[in-house]
Amino acid sequence: MTSEEGSNEELPFPKFDYHLDESDPDILVLRRQDGSFVAAFSVRGVTQASIIEAARKDYRELLRVYWERRGEAADTESDVEGRDV
């Protein structure tokens, strides 16, 4: 349940949305919802797969830190599989 539905329950995983910053005509910058830098790509050589892979790697690391701070271990590789990041 999300906070929009009126619940204060903690989500099982942190949710991060990603977006592409296209303010530079030669470089695409992948950023998190808070504007944090994730990765940069040349407009000429970028592929959808490389953007998705960068987002997945970043999300895996965020999950690792999240679980580490909670004092729990998680297999973040399998947690991310099948998720649309």
C-alpha atoms as a PDB file:
ATOM      1  CA  MET A   1       0.000   0.000   0.000  1.00  0.00           C
ATOM      2  CA  THR A   2       1.315   3.448  -0.820  1.00  0.00           C
ATOM      3  CA  SER A   3       1.013   6.665   1.109  1.00  0.00           C
ATOM      4  CA  GLU A   4      -1.435   7.871  -1.543  1.00  0.00           C
ATOM      5  CA  GLU A   5      -3.819   5.186  -0.316  1.00  0.00           C
ATOM      6  CA  GLY A   6      -3.628   6.518   3.232  1.00  0.00           C
ATOM      7  CA  SER A   7      -1.334   3.927   4.785  1.00  0.00           C
ATOM      8  CA  ASN A   8       1.857   4.620   6.704  1.00  0.00           C
ATOM      9  CA  GLU A   9       3.168   1.095   6.096  1.00  0.00           C
ATOM     10  CA  GLU A  10       6.791   0.879   5.061  1.00  0.00           C
ATOM     11  CA  LEU A  11       7.310  -0.331   1.507  1.00  0.00           C
ATOM     12  CA  PRO A  12       9.349  -3.536   1.240  1.00  0.00           C
ATOM     13  CA  PHE A  13      11.824  -1.830  -1.121  1.00  0.00           C
ATOM     14  CA  PRO A  14      12.689   1.798  -1.658  1.00  0.00           C
ATOM     15  CA  LYS A  15      11.118   3.122  -4.843  1.00  0.00           C
ATOM     16  CA  PHE A  16      13.219   5.171  -7.201  1.00  0.00           C
ATOM     17  CA  ASP A  17      12.105   6.672 -10.450  1.00  0.00           C
ATOM     18  CA  TYR A  18      14.641   7.534 -13.103  1.00  0.00           C
ATOM     19  CA  HIS A  19      14.548  10.135 -15.830  1.00  0.00           C
ATOM     20  CA  LEU A  20      16.769  11.321 -18.657  1.00  0.00           C
ATOM     21  CA  ASP A  21      18.164  14.832 -18.478  1.00  0.00           C
ATOM     22  CA  GLU A  22      18.404  16.003 -22.080  1.00  0.00           C
ATOM     23  CA  SER A  23      19.504  19.579 -21.334  1.00  0.00           C
ATOM     24  CA  ASP A  24      22.811  19.041 -23.190  1.00  0.00           C
ATOM     25  CA  PRO A  25      22.328  18.212 -26.893  1.00  0.00           C
ATOM     26  CA  ASP A  26      25.355  15.878 -26.920  1.00  0.00           C
ATOM     27  CA  ILE A  27      24.927  14.045 -23.602  1.00  0.00           C
ATOM     28  CA  LEU A  28      22.051  12.194 -21.964  1.00  0.00           C
ATOM     29  CA  VAL A  29      22.257  12.066 -18.191  1.00  0.00           C
ATOM     30  CA  LEU A  30      20.356   9.402 -16.264  1.00  0.00           C
ATOM     31  CA  ARG A  31      19.155  10.800 -12.940  1.00  0.00           C
ATOM     32  CA  ARG A  32      17.155   9.569  -9.981  1.00  0.00           C
ATOM     33  CA  GLN A  33      13.901  11.236  -8.980  1.00  0.00           C
ATOM     34  CA  ASP A  34      15.803  13.553  -6.614  1.00  0.00           C
ATOM     35  CA  GLY A  35      18.111  14.702  -9.420  1.00  0.00           C
ATOM     36  CA  SER A  36      21.079  12.594  -8.296  1.00  0.00           C
ATOM     37  CA  PHE A  37      23.470  11.629 -11.095  1.00  0.00           C
ATOM     38  CA  VAL A  38      23.453   7.966 -12.128  1.00  0.00           C
ATOM     39  CA  ALA A  39      25.184   7.800 -15.522  1.00  0.00           C
ATOM     40  CA  ALA A  40      25.985   9.828 -18.631  1.00  0.00           C
ATOM     41  CA  PHE A  41      25.755   8.692 -22.233  1.00  0.00           C
ATOM     42  CA  SER A  42      26.854  10.100 -25.556  1.00  0.00           C
ATOM     43  CA  VAL A  43      23.782  10.852 -27.648  1.00  0.00           C
ATOM     44  CA  ARG A  44      25.465   9.241 -30.647  1.00  0.00           C
ATOM     45  CA  GLY A  45      26.196   5.886 -29.018  1.00  0.00           C
ATOM     46  CA  VAL A  46      23.479   5.455 -26.432  1.00  0.00           C
ATOM     47  CA  THR A  47      21.166   2.453 -26.547  1.00  0.00           C
ATOM     48  CA  GLN A  48      18.037   1.698 -24.615  1.00  0.00           C
ATOM     49  CA  ALA A  49      19.753  -1.403 -23.221  1.00  0.00           C
ATOM     50  CA  SER A  50      22.684   0.613 -21.839  1.00  0.00           C
ATOM     51  CA  ILE A  51      20.326   3.032 -20.082  1.00  0.00           C
ATOM     52  CA  ILE A  52      18.317   0.182 -18.576  1.00  0.00           C
ATOM     53  CA  GLU A  53      21.491  -1.587 -17.430  1.00  0.00           C
ATOM     54  CA  ALA A  54      22.758   1.587 -15.729  1.00  0.00           C
ATOM     55  CA  ALA A  55      19.428   2.027 -13.927  1.00  0.00           C
ATOM     56  CA  ARG A  56      19.444  -1.623 -12.821  1.00  0.00           C
ATOM     57  CA  LYS A  57      23.008  -1.399 -11.505  1.00  0.00           C
ATOM     58  CA  ASP A  58      22.145   1.754  -9.601  1.00  0.00           C
ATOM     59  CA  TYR A  59      18.974   0.225  -8.181  1.00  0.00           C
ATOM     60  CA  ARG A  60      20.844  -2.920  -7.094  1.00  0.00           C
ATOM     61  CA  GLU A  61      23.329  -0.754  -5.224  1.00  0.00           C
ATOM     62  CA  LEU A  62      20.533   1.235  -3.596  1.00  0.00           C
ATOM     63  CA  LEU A  63      18.895  -2.008  -2.474  1.00  0.00           C
ATOM     64  CA  ARG A  64      22.197  -3.324  -1.130  1.00  0.00           C
ATOM     65  CA  VAL A  65      22.684  -0.181   0.957  1.00  0.00           C
ATOM     66  CA  TYR A  66      19.043  -0.230   2.050  1.00  0.00           C
ATOM     67  CA  TRP A  67      19.264  -3.813   3.325  1.00  0.00           C
ATOM     68  CA  GLU A  68      22.683  -3.226   4.849  1.00  0.00           C
ATOM     69  CA  ARG A  69      21.312  -0.313   6.865  1.00  0.00           C
ATOM     70  CA  ARG A  70      18.430  -2.458   8.011  1.00  0.00           C
ATOM     71  CA  GLY A  71      20.908  -5.113   9.107  1.00  0.00           C
ATOM     72  CA  GLU A  72      19.563  -7.673   6.679  1.00  0.00           C
ATOM     73  CA  ALA A  73      21.148  -9.501   3.796  1.00  0.00           C
ATOM     74  CA  ALA A  74      19.390  -9.745   0.468  1.00  0.00           C
ATOM     75  CA  ASP A  75      20.108 -11.247  -2.893  1.00  0.00           C
ATOM     76  CA  THR A  76      19.538  -7.992  -4.755  1.00  0.00           C
ATOM     77  CA  GLU A  77      20.277  -9.588  -8.119  1.00  0.00           C
ATOM     78  CA  SER A  78      17.189 -11.770  -7.843  1.00  0.00           C
ATOM     79  CA  ASP A  79      15.167  -8.966  -6.211  1.00  0.00           C
ATOM     80  CA  VAL A  80      15.653  -6.751  -9.266  1.00  0.00           C
ATOM     81  CA  GLU A  81      15.044  -9.408 -11.901  1.00  0.00           C
ATOM     82  CA  GLY A  82      11.730  -8.976 -13.566  1.00  0.00           C
ATOM     83  CA  ARG A  83      11.244  -5.459 -12.221  1.00  0.00           C
ATOM     84  CA  ASP A  84      10.754  -2.587 -14.582  1.00  0.00           C
ATOM     85  CA  VAL A  85      13.496  -0.143 -13.576  1.00  0.00           C
END
